[in-house]
């Protein structure tokens, strides 16, 4: 069995985490825009300070963990699922493929 160097595994994990955060961010910002929520409303709903709301809306998501973003989705009434799948055998380790995606969908009322 081929073993990867620890740094390569860490880099891959960071890329996957970033992709999950981007997936969640895109869906949350889309929902916020659809309902024209103000930063004050968002601040109250998410339980964060207004400057952090501004950073979040402007795509500065480094400060926010995946866990925080899942809590944000939950506070906005979303169901969140993290899908994990095994990559196809033909995909190389160097490919852009990651089998982990985040989905947040609004539960039917």
C-alpha atoms as a PDB file:
ATOM      1  CA  UNK A   1       0.000   0.000   0.000  1.00  0.00           C
ATOM      2  CA  UNK A   2       1.307   3.427  -0.959  1.00  0.00           C
ATOM      3  CA  UNK A   3       1.683   5.892   1.915  1.00  0.00           C
ATOM      4  CA  UNK A   4       1.528   9.642   1.433  1.00  0.00           C
ATOM      5  CA  UNK A   5       3.817  12.037   3.216  1.00  0.00           C
ATOM      6  CA  UNK A   6       2.100  13.721   6.201  1.00  0.00           C
ATOM      7  CA  UNK A   7       2.360  17.188   4.619  1.00  0.00           C
ATOM      8  CA  UNK A   8       0.551  16.006   1.475  1.00  0.00           C
ATOM      9  CA  UNK A   9      -2.274  14.589   3.591  1.00  0.00           C
ATOM     10  CA  UNK A  10      -2.513  17.830   5.555  1.00  0.00           C
ATOM     11  CA  UNK A  11      -2.602  19.921   2.361  1.00  0.00           C
ATOM     12  CA  UNK A  12      -5.342  17.703   0.941  1.00  0.00           C
ATOM     13  CA  UNK A  13      -7.352  17.953   4.166  1.00  0.00           C
ATOM     14  CA  UNK A  14      -7.049  21.749   4.081  1.00  0.00           C
ATOM     15  CA  UNK A  15      -8.260  21.830   0.460  1.00  0.00           C
ATOM     16  CA  UNK A  16     -11.245  19.657   1.362  1.00  0.00           C
ATOM     17  CA  UNK A  17     -12.086  21.812   4.387  1.00  0.00           C
ATOM     18  CA  UNK A  18     -11.880  24.937   2.228  1.00  0.00           C
ATOM     19  CA  UNK A  19     -14.202  23.404  -0.374  1.00  0.00           C
ATOM     20  CA  UNK A  20     -16.759  22.468   2.321  1.00  0.00           C
ATOM     21  CA  UNK A  21     -16.606  26.017   3.712  1.00  0.00           C
ATOM     22  CA  UNK A  22     -17.043  27.484   0.230  1.00  0.00           C
ATOM     23  CA  UNK A  23     -20.050  25.214  -0.451  1.00  0.00           C
ATOM     24  CA  UNK A  24     -21.723  26.263   2.796  1.00  0.00           C
ATOM     25  CA  UNK A  25     -20.861  29.937   2.312  1.00  0.00           C
ATOM     26  CA  UNK A  26     -22.278  30.023  -1.216  1.00  0.00           C
ATOM     27  CA  UNK A  27     -25.570  28.476  -0.101  1.00  0.00           C
ATOM     28  CA  UNK A  28     -25.938  30.673   2.984  1.00  0.00           C
ATOM     29  CA  UNK A  29     -25.148  33.913   1.151  1.00  0.00           C
ATOM     30  CA  UNK A  30     -27.615  32.950  -1.594  1.00  0.00           C
ATOM     31  CA  UNK A  31     -30.340  32.422   1.015  1.00  0.00           C
ATOM     32  CA  UNK A  32     -29.488  35.699   2.793  1.00  0.00           C
ATOM     33  CA  UNK A  33     -29.650  37.593  -0.518  1.00  0.00           C
ATOM     34  CA  UNK A  34     -32.921  35.927  -1.526  1.00  0.00           C
ATOM     35  CA  UNK A  35     -34.593  37.204   1.648  1.00  0.00           C
ATOM     36  CA  UNK A  36     -32.774  40.571   1.644  1.00  0.00           C
ATOM     37  CA  UNK A  37     -31.711  40.168   5.264  1.00  0.00           C
ATOM     38  CA  UNK A  38     -29.902  43.136   6.771  1.00  0.00           C
ATOM     39  CA  UNK A  39     -26.571  42.763   8.529  1.00  0.00           C
ATOM     40  CA  UNK A  40     -28.315  43.543  11.826  1.00  0.00           C
ATOM     41  CA  UNK A  41     -30.832  40.756  11.231  1.00  0.00           C
ATOM     42  CA  UNK A  42     -28.076  38.349  10.227  1.00  0.00           C
ATOM     43  CA  UNK A  43     -26.042  39.289  13.293  1.00  0.00           C
ATOM     44  CA  UNK A  44     -28.956  38.435  15.578  1.00  0.00           C
ATOM     45  CA  UNK A  45     -29.837  35.228  13.732  1.00  0.00           C
ATOM     46  CA  UNK A  46     -26.276  33.893  13.606  1.00  0.00           C
ATOM     47  CA  UNK A  47     -25.175  35.191  16.994  1.00  0.00           C
ATOM     48  CA  UNK A  48     -22.113  37.033  15.663  1.00  0.00           C
ATOM     49  CA  UNK A  49     -21.028  40.671  15.664  1.00  0.00           C
ATOM     50  CA  UNK A  50     -21.856  42.907  12.692  1.00  0.00           C
ATOM     51  CA  UNK A  51     -18.213  43.281  11.552  1.00  0.00           C
ATOM     52  CA  UNK A  52     -18.045  39.463  11.333  1.00  0.00           C
ATOM     53  CA  UNK A  53     -21.282  39.462   9.322  1.00  0.00           C
ATOM     54  CA  UNK A  54     -19.680  41.899   6.887  1.00  0.00           C
ATOM     55  CA  UNK A  55     -16.570  39.726   6.571  1.00  0.00           C
ATOM     56  CA  UNK A  56     -18.708  36.630   6.033  1.00  0.00           C
ATOM     57  CA  UNK A  57     -20.869  38.266   3.364  1.00  0.00           C
ATOM     58  CA  UNK A  58     -17.758  39.506   1.561  1.00  0.00           C
ATOM     59  CA  UNK A  59     -16.305  36.009   1.372  1.00  0.00           C
ATOM     60  CA  UNK A  60     -13.690  36.302   4.107  1.00  0.00           C
ATOM     61  CA  UNK A  61     -14.445  32.869   5.534  1.00  0.00           C
ATOM     62  CA  UNK A  62     -10.992  31.972   6.865  1.00  0.00           C
ATOM     63  CA  UNK A  63     -12.027  33.090  10.350  1.00  0.00           C
ATOM     64  CA  UNK A  64     -15.028  30.737  10.404  1.00  0.00           C
ATOM     65  CA  UNK A  65     -14.749  27.014  11.049  1.00  0.00           C
ATOM     66  CA  UNK A  66     -16.830  24.387   9.290  1.00  0.00           C
ATOM     67  CA  UNK A  67     -18.593  23.808  12.618  1.00  0.00           C
ATOM     68  CA  UNK A  68     -19.515  27.480  12.940  1.00  0.00           C
ATOM     69  CA  UNK A  69     -20.848  27.546   9.398  1.00  0.00           C
ATOM     70  CA  UNK A  70     -22.962  24.446  10.069  1.00  0.00           C
ATOM     71  CA  UNK A  71     -24.388  26.221  13.135  1.00  0.00           C
ATOM     72  CA  UNK A  72     -25.132  29.283  10.953  1.00  0.00           C
ATOM     73  CA  UNK A  73     -27.035  27.063   8.510  1.00  0.00           C
ATOM     74  CA  UNK A  74     -28.949  25.447  11.372  1.00  0.00           C
ATOM     75  CA  UNK A  75     -29.879  28.842  12.828  1.00  0.00           C
ATOM     76  CA  UNK A  76     -31.253  29.848   9.427  1.00  0.00           C
ATOM     77  CA  UNK A  77     -33.405  26.696   9.383  1.00  0.00           C
ATOM     78  CA  UNK A  78     -31.329  24.560   7.030  1.00  0.00           C
ATOM     79  CA  UNK A  79     -30.714  20.844   7.203  1.00  0.00           C
ATOM     80  CA  UNK A  80     -27.014  20.173   6.591  1.00  0.00           C
ATOM     81  CA  UNK A  81     -25.457  17.010   5.191  1.00  0.00           C
ATOM     82  CA  UNK A  82     -21.825  16.242   4.528  1.00  0.00           C
ATOM     83  CA  UNK A  83     -21.436  13.687   1.744  1.00  0.00           C
ATOM     84  CA  UNK A  84     -18.288  11.591   1.766  1.00  0.00           C
ATOM     85  CA  UNK A  85     -17.500   9.237  -1.105  1.00  0.00           C
ATOM     86  CA  UNK A  86     -14.603   7.136  -2.266  1.00  0.00           C
ATOM     87  CA  UNK A  87     -12.823   8.650  -5.279  1.00  0.00           C
ATOM     88  CA  UNK A  88     -12.938   6.668  -8.528  1.00  0.00           C
ATOM     89  CA  UNK A  89      -9.939   4.345  -8.978  1.00  0.00           C
ATOM     90  CA  UNK A  90      -8.895   6.209 -12.114  1.00  0.00           C
ATOM     91  CA  UNK A  91      -8.569   9.546 -10.302  1.00  0.00           C
ATOM     92  CA  UNK A  92      -4.987  10.317  -9.367  1.00  0.00           C
ATOM     93  CA  UNK A  93      -4.024  11.734  -5.989  1.00  0.00           C
ATOM     94  CA  UNK A  94      -2.919  14.927  -7.736  1.00  0.00           C
ATOM     95  CA  UNK A  95      -6.304  15.511  -9.363  1.00  0.00           C
ATOM     96  CA  UNK A  96      -8.728  18.212  -8.261  1.00  0.00           C
ATOM     97  CA  UNK A  97     -11.265  15.546  -7.284  1.00  0.00           C
ATOM     98  CA  UNK A  98     -12.467  15.512  -3.718  1.00  0.00           C
ATOM     99  CA  UNK A  99     -15.300  13.264  -2.690  1.00  0.00           C
ATOM    100  CA  UNK A 100     -16.526  15.511   0.116  1.00  0.00           C
ATOM    101  CA  UNK A 101     -19.224  18.103  -0.408  1.00  0.00           C
ATOM    102  CA  UNK A 102     -21.452  20.058   1.935  1.00  0.00           C
ATOM    103  CA  UNK A 103     -25.120  20.456   1.204  1.00  0.00           C
ATOM    104  CA  UNK A 104     -27.450  22.740   3.068  1.00  0.00           C
ATOM    105  CA  UNK A 105     -31.077  22.741   2.099  1.00  0.00           C
ATOM    106  CA  UNK A 106     -34.007  24.586   3.520  1.00  0.00           C
ATOM    107  CA  UNK A 107     -36.473  22.235   5.160  1.00  0.00           C
ATOM    108  CA  UNK A 108     -40.016  22.473   3.863  1.00  0.00           C
ATOM    109  CA  UNK A 109     -42.287  24.390   6.228  1.00  0.00           C
END
